C-alpha atoms as a PDB file:
ATOM      1  CA  MET A   1       3.181  32.446  12.352  1.00  0.00           C
ATOM      2  CA  THR A   2       1.513  35.906  12.452  1.00  0.00           C
ATOM      3  CA  THR A   3      -2.296  36.109  13.740  1.00  0.00           C
ATOM      4  CA  TYR A   4      -3.839  38.927  11.878  1.00  0.00           C
ATOM      5  CA  SER A   5      -7.528  39.296  11.306  1.00  0.00           C
ATOM      6  CA  ALA A   6      -8.641  42.855  10.367  1.00  0.00           C
ATOM      7  CA  TRP A   7     -11.173  41.584   7.870  1.00  0.00           C
ATOM      8  CA  LYS A   8     -14.881  42.308   8.947  1.00  0.00           C
ATOM      9  CA  LYS A   9     -17.821  40.469   7.450  1.00  0.00           C
ATOM     10  CA  LEU A  10     -20.697  42.767   7.019  1.00  0.00           C
ATOM     11  CA  SER A  11     -23.251  40.279   5.312  1.00  0.00           C
ATOM     12  CA  SER A  12     -23.256  36.871   3.735  1.00  0.00           C
ATOM     13  CA  ARG A  13     -25.767  35.310   1.079  1.00  0.00           C
ATOM     14  CA  THR A  14     -25.551  31.992  -0.463  1.00  0.00           C
ATOM     15  CA  VAL A  15     -25.547  32.169  -4.152  1.00  0.00           C
ATOM     16  CA  TYR A  16     -25.444  28.216  -4.956  1.00  0.00           C
ATOM     17  CA  LYS A  17     -25.880  25.136  -2.873  1.00  0.00           C
ATOM     18  CA  ASN A  18     -26.016  21.518  -3.668  1.00  0.00           C
ATOM     19  CA  GLN A  19     -25.264  18.245  -1.856  1.00  0.00           C
ATOM     20  CA  TRP A  20     -21.444  18.656  -2.007  1.00  0.00           C
ATOM     21  CA  ILE A  21     -20.767  22.387  -1.945  1.00  0.00           C
ATOM     22  CA  LYS A  22     -22.083  26.035  -1.061  1.00  0.00           C
ATOM     23  CA  ILE A  23     -20.964  29.278  -2.596  1.00  0.00           C
ATOM     24  CA  HIS A  24     -21.569  32.278  -0.816  1.00  0.00           C
ATOM     25  CA  GLU A  25     -20.727  35.973  -1.399  1.00  0.00           C
ATOM     26  CA  ASP A  26     -19.703  37.948   1.651  1.00  0.00           C
ATOM     27  CA  GLN A  27     -19.766  41.738   2.019  1.00  0.00           C
ATOM     28  CA  VAL A  28     -16.335  42.648   3.647  1.00  0.00           C
ATOM     29  CA  ILE A  29     -14.301  45.497   5.027  1.00  0.00           C
ATOM     30  CA  GLN A  30     -10.706  44.769   3.991  1.00  0.00           C
ATOM     31  CA  PRO A  31      -7.700  45.321   6.465  1.00  0.00           C
ATOM     32  CA  ASN A  32      -7.027  48.422   4.118  1.00  0.00           C
ATOM     33  CA  GLY A  33     -10.423  49.705   4.837  1.00  0.00           C
ATOM     34  CA  GLU A  34     -12.162  49.106   1.594  1.00  0.00           C
ATOM     35  CA  GLU A  35     -15.444  47.592   1.155  1.00  0.00           C
ATOM     36  CA  SER A  36     -15.590  44.597  -1.238  1.00  0.00           C
ATOM     37  CA  VAL A  37     -17.161  41.544  -2.112  1.00  0.00           C
ATOM     38  CA  TYR A  38     -15.460  38.024  -1.375  1.00  0.00           C
ATOM     39  CA  GLY A  39     -16.757  34.736  -2.961  1.00  0.00           C
ATOM     40  CA  LEU A  40     -16.111  31.684  -0.841  1.00  0.00           C
ATOM     41  CA  LEU A  41     -16.572  27.959  -1.700  1.00  0.00           C
ATOM     42  CA  GLU A  42     -17.576  25.834   1.350  1.00  0.00           C
ATOM     43  CA  GLY A  43     -17.356  21.879   1.043  1.00  0.00           C
ATOM     44  CA  LYS A  44     -16.967  18.880   2.992  1.00  0.00           C
ATOM     45  CA  GLU A  45     -13.984  17.537   4.272  1.00  0.00           C
ATOM     46  CA  TYR A  46     -12.287  14.789   2.171  1.00  0.00           C
ATOM     47  CA  VAL A  47      -9.511  12.067   2.539  1.00  0.00           C
ATOM     48  CA  MET A  48      -6.861  11.059   0.054  1.00  0.00           C
ATOM     49  CA  VAL A  49      -4.921   7.741   0.504  1.00  0.00           C
ATOM     50  CA  ILE A  50      -1.627   6.639  -1.029  1.00  0.00           C
ATOM     51  CA  PRO A  51      -1.665   2.908  -1.422  1.00  0.00           C
ATOM     52  CA  ARG A  52       1.764   1.289  -1.177  1.00  0.00           C
ATOM     53  CA  LEU A  53       1.684  -2.112  -2.496  1.00  0.00           C
ATOM     54  CA  LYS A  54       5.524  -2.786  -2.164  1.00  0.00           C
ATOM     55  CA  PRO A  55       8.343  -0.569  -1.103  1.00  0.00           C
ATOM     56  CA  ASN A  56       8.556   1.013  -4.443  1.00  0.00           C
ATOM     57  CA  SER A  57       5.023   0.201  -6.022  1.00  0.00           C
ATOM     58  CA  PHE A  58       1.935   2.404  -5.627  1.00  0.00           C
ATOM     59  CA  CYS A  59      -1.695   2.054  -6.699  1.00  0.00           C
ATOM     60  CA  MET A  60      -3.325   5.078  -8.600  1.00  0.00           C
ATOM     61  CA  ILE A  61      -6.426   5.443 -10.144  1.00  0.00           C
ATOM     62  CA  GLU A  62      -7.284   6.976 -13.588  1.00  0.00           C
ATOM     63  CA  GLN A  63     -10.579   8.522 -14.130  1.00  0.00           C
ATOM     64  CA  TYR A  64     -12.490  11.081 -16.503  1.00  0.00           C
ATOM     65  CA  ARG A  65     -12.879  14.531 -14.702  1.00  0.00           C
ATOM     66  CA  TYR A  66     -15.471  16.520 -16.307  1.00  0.00           C
ATOM     67  CA  PRO A  67     -14.171  19.967 -15.441  1.00  0.00           C
ATOM     68  CA  ILE A  68     -10.952  19.550 -17.405  1.00  0.00           C
ATOM     69  CA  LYS A  69     -12.470  17.000 -19.882  1.00  0.00           C
ATOM     70  CA  GLN A  70      -9.890  14.680 -19.653  1.00  0.00           C
ATOM     71  CA  PHE A  71      -8.659  11.572 -17.633  1.00  0.00           C
ATOM     72  CA  SER A  72      -6.687  12.374 -14.446  1.00  0.00           C
ATOM     73  CA  LEU A  73      -4.194   9.894 -12.626  1.00  0.00           C
ATOM     74  CA  GLU A  74      -4.680  10.448  -8.961  1.00  0.00           C
ATOM     75  CA  PHE A  75      -4.647   8.787  -5.671  1.00  0.00           C
ATOM     76  CA  PRO A  76      -7.936   7.500  -4.196  1.00  0.00           C
ATOM     77  CA  ALA A  77      -9.948  10.055  -2.562  1.00  0.00           C
ATOM     78  CA  GLY A  78     -13.299  11.062  -1.636  1.00  0.00           C
ATOM     79  CA  GLY A  79     -15.601  13.119   0.858  1.00  0.00           C
ATOM     80  CA  LEU A  80     -16.497  12.190   4.334  1.00  0.00           C
ATOM     81  CA  LYS A  81     -20.197  11.080   4.587  1.00  0.00           C
ATOM     82  CA  LYS A  82     -22.398  12.503   7.207  1.00  0.00           C
ATOM     83  CA  GLY A  83     -21.246  11.113  10.527  1.00  0.00           C
ATOM     84  CA  GLU A  84     -18.384   9.279   9.075  1.00  0.00           C
ATOM     85  CA  ASN A  85     -14.880   9.615  10.449  1.00  0.00           C
ATOM     86  CA  VAL A  86     -11.583   9.909   8.746  1.00  0.00           C
ATOM     87  CA  ILE A  87     -10.407   6.464   9.111  1.00  0.00           C
ATOM     88  CA  ASP A  88     -13.866   4.846   7.760  1.00  0.00           C
ATOM     89  CA  ALA A  89     -13.814   7.258   4.995  1.00  0.00           C
ATOM     90  CA  LEU A  90     -10.166   6.227   3.920  1.00  0.00           C
ATOM     91  CA  LYS A  91     -11.157   2.442   4.118  1.00  0.00           C
ATOM     92  CA  ARG A  92     -14.270   3.056   2.215  1.00  0.00           C
ATOM     93  CA  GLU A  93     -12.535   4.991  -0.704  1.00  0.00           C
ATOM     94  CA  LEU A  94      -9.715   2.515  -0.765  1.00  0.00           C
ATOM     95  CA  GLN A  95     -12.011  -0.214  -1.402  1.00  0.00           C
ATOM     96  CA  GLU A  96     -14.626   1.839  -3.705  1.00  0.00           C
ATOM     97  CA  GLU A  97     -11.778   3.062  -6.004  1.00  0.00           C
ATOM     98  CA  ALA A  98      -8.913   0.750  -5.747  1.00  0.00           C
ATOM     99  CA  GLN A  99     -10.507  -2.398  -4.513  1.00  0.00           C
ATOM    100  CA  LEU A 100      -8.028  -2.689  -1.584  1.00  0.00           C
ATOM    101  CA  TYR A 101      -8.129  -3.117   2.078  1.00  0.00           C
ATOM    102  CA  SER A 102      -5.140  -1.911   4.445  1.00  0.00           C
ATOM    103  CA  ASN A 103      -4.078  -3.185   7.787  1.00  0.00           C
ATOM    104  CA  LYS A 104      -1.829  -0.019   8.366  1.00  0.00           C
ATOM    105  CA  LEU A 105      -2.904   3.390   7.687  1.00  0.00           C
ATOM    106  CA  THR A 106      -0.384   6.371   8.564  1.00  0.00           C
ATOM    107  CA  LYS A 107      -1.422  10.003   8.676  1.00  0.00           C
ATOM    108  CA  LEU A 108       0.904  12.010   6.630  1.00  0.00           C
ATOM    109  CA  GLY A 109      -0.678  15.319   6.920  1.00  0.00           C
ATOM    110  CA  CYS A 110      -3.837  17.607   6.392  1.00  0.00           C
ATOM    111  CA  LEU A 111      -3.638  20.140   3.651  1.00  0.00           C
ATOM    112  CA  ASP A 112      -5.946  23.062   2.527  1.00  0.00           C
ATOM    113  CA  ILE A 113      -7.193  22.854  -1.099  1.00  0.00           C
ATOM    114  CA  GLY A 114      -6.934  26.671  -1.754  1.00  0.00           C
ATOM    115  CA  ASN A 115      -7.185  28.922   1.123  1.00  0.00           C
ATOM    116  CA  ASN A 116      -7.795  32.032  -0.885  1.00  0.00           C
ATOM    117  CA  PHE A 117     -11.195  30.722  -2.026  1.00  0.00           C
ATOM    118  CA  THR A 118     -12.297  27.649   0.067  1.00  0.00           C
ATOM    119  CA  ASN A 119     -12.327  26.280   3.447  1.00  0.00           C
ATOM    120  CA  MET A 120     -11.818  22.872   2.223  1.00  0.00           C
ATOM    121  CA  HIS A 121      -9.138  20.642   3.245  1.00  0.00           C
ATOM    122  CA  PHE A 122      -8.244  17.005   2.928  1.00  0.00           C
ATOM    123  CA  TYR A 123      -6.443  14.518   5.178  1.00  0.00           C
ATOM    124  CA  VAL A 124      -3.624  12.456   3.697  1.00  0.00           C
ATOM    125  CA  TYR A 125      -2.790   8.806   4.877  1.00  0.00           C
ATOM    126  CA  LEU A 126      -0.387   6.298   3.535  1.00  0.00           C
ATOM    127  CA  ALA A 127      -2.042   2.716   3.253  1.00  0.00           C
ATOM    128  CA  GLU A 128       0.455   0.009   3.722  1.00  0.00           C
ATOM    129  CA  GLU A 129      -0.085  -3.809   4.343  1.00  0.00           C
ATOM    130  CA  VAL A 130      -2.637  -3.704   1.592  1.00  0.00           C
ATOM    131  CA  SER A 131      -4.667  -6.738   0.041  1.00  0.00           C
ATOM    132  CA  ILE A 132      -7.447  -7.240  -2.320  1.00  0.00           C
ATOM    133  CA  ALA A 133     -10.732  -6.061  -0.859  1.00  0.00           C
ATOM    134  CA  PRO A 134     -14.084  -8.079  -1.440  1.00  0.00           C
ATOM    135  CA  LYS A 135     -15.506  -6.197  -4.666  1.00  0.00           C
ATOM    136  CA  LYS A 136     -18.322  -3.705  -4.074  1.00  0.00           C
ATOM    137  CA  PRO A 137     -21.038  -2.754  -6.623  1.00  0.00           C
ATOM    138  CA  HIS A 138     -19.385   0.178  -8.621  1.00  0.00           C
ATOM    139  CA  ASP A 139     -20.954   3.731  -8.019  1.00  0.00           C
ATOM    140  CA  PRO A 140     -21.876   5.095 -11.200  1.00  0.00           C
ATOM    141  CA  SER A 141     -21.307   8.512 -10.040  1.00  0.00           C
ATOM    142  CA  GLU A 142     -17.771   7.722  -9.929  1.00  0.00           C
ATOM    143  CA  GLY A 143     -17.578   7.280 -13.573  1.00  0.00           C
ATOM    144  CA  GLN A 144     -15.085   4.725 -15.138  1.00  0.00           C
ATOM    145  CA  ILE A 145     -12.106   4.125 -12.958  1.00  0.00           C
ATOM    146  CA  LYS A 146      -8.940   2.349 -14.148  1.00  0.00           C
ATOM    147  CA  ILE A 147      -6.649   0.944 -11.531  1.00  0.00           C
ATOM    148  CA  ARG A 148      -2.953   1.531 -12.123  1.00  0.00           C
ATOM    149  CA  THR A 149       0.339   0.513 -10.549  1.00  0.00           C
ATOM    150  CA  LEU A 150       3.329   2.813 -10.626  1.00  0.00           C
ATOM    151  CA  SER A 151       6.787   2.765  -9.138  1.00  0.00           C
ATOM    152  CA  LEU A 152       8.067   5.704  -7.164  1.00  0.00           C
ATOM    153  CA  ALA A 153      10.377   6.776 -10.181  1.00  0.00           C
ATOM    154  CA  GLU A 154       7.379   6.466 -12.543  1.00  0.00           C
ATOM    155  CA  ILE A 155       5.292   8.791 -10.283  1.00  0.00           C
ATOM    156  CA  LYS A 156       8.041  11.228  -9.988  1.00  0.00           C
ATOM    157  CA  LYS A 157       8.707  11.286 -13.925  1.00  0.00           C
ATOM    158  CA  ARG A 158       5.075  11.686 -14.741  1.00  0.00           C
ATOM    159  CA  ILE A 159       4.801  14.453 -12.086  1.00  0.00           C
ATOM    160  CA  LYS A 160       7.831  16.176 -13.739  1.00  0.00           C
ATOM    161  CA  ASP A 161       6.535  15.634 -17.265  1.00  0.00           C
ATOM    162  CA  GLY A 162       3.180  17.182 -16.538  1.00  0.00           C
ATOM    163  CA  ILE A 163       1.252  13.813 -16.869  1.00  0.00           C
ATOM    164  CA  ILE A 164       0.230  13.642 -13.230  1.00  0.00           C
ATOM    165  CA  LYS A 165      -1.066  17.281 -12.636  1.00  0.00           C
ATOM    166  CA  ASP A 166      -3.919  16.903 -10.202  1.00  0.00           C
ATOM    167  CA  GLY A 167      -2.895  19.300  -7.385  1.00  0.00           C
ATOM    168  CA  GLN A 168      -4.075  17.411  -4.522  1.00  0.00           C
ATOM    169  CA  THR A 169      -2.287  14.214  -5.737  1.00  0.00           C
ATOM    170  CA  VAL A 170       0.956  16.089  -6.298  1.00  0.00           C
ATOM    171  CA  ALA A 171       0.723  17.742  -2.875  1.00  0.00           C
ATOM    172  CA  ALA A 172      -0.019  14.354  -1.283  1.00  0.00           C
ATOM    173  CA  PHE A 173       2.686  12.623  -2.836  1.00  0.00           C
ATOM    174  CA  ASN A 174       5.192  15.568  -1.755  1.00  0.00           C
ATOM    175  CA  LEU A 175       3.902  14.734   1.880  1.00  0.00           C
ATOM    176  CA  PHE A 176       4.782  11.139   1.351  1.00  0.00           C
ATOM    177  CA  LEU A 177       8.172  11.954   0.360  1.00  0.00           C
ATOM    178  CA  LEU A 178       8.960  14.388   3.158  1.00  0.00           C
ATOM    179  CA  ASN A 179       7.754  11.711   5.674  1.00  0.00           C
ATOM    180  CA  GLN A 180      10.331   9.092   4.170  1.00  0.00           C
END
């Protein structure tokens, strides 16, 4: 891979910040010598877990997503809490969102969300040997979550038909298929 970094940052200022993200605006000089503004979104690392219930059966969650004003069918995912490692975050998200526990977690990869506007990335794991986890109180910030069980063929069809269109879920599922 080419290593090329002729970009030069002249200054940076935070334009928005909350507990999950920070947006900042950098004054830069581009490789062609032009000075410009580059907006960047910084966020926490997060995890996505693909719960495999049986060889051809998977758990997904359906939840309302405010930015798109509709329900989205996705694999369980969430940000790492301060001081939390990836495996602990995976186990927590699997239990919180899918009410499952896994005895076998396999790393499938790490993906950038959108490296043209953010430094955020997420770790994708396959969860196997799953069982029902002790029920935890529902986190109201998660909204209403419905647990769905789909076959491999159903997931492929729903992606092809544009029913499953969450980019991270589609990318994670492709990592799963590449690792089979």
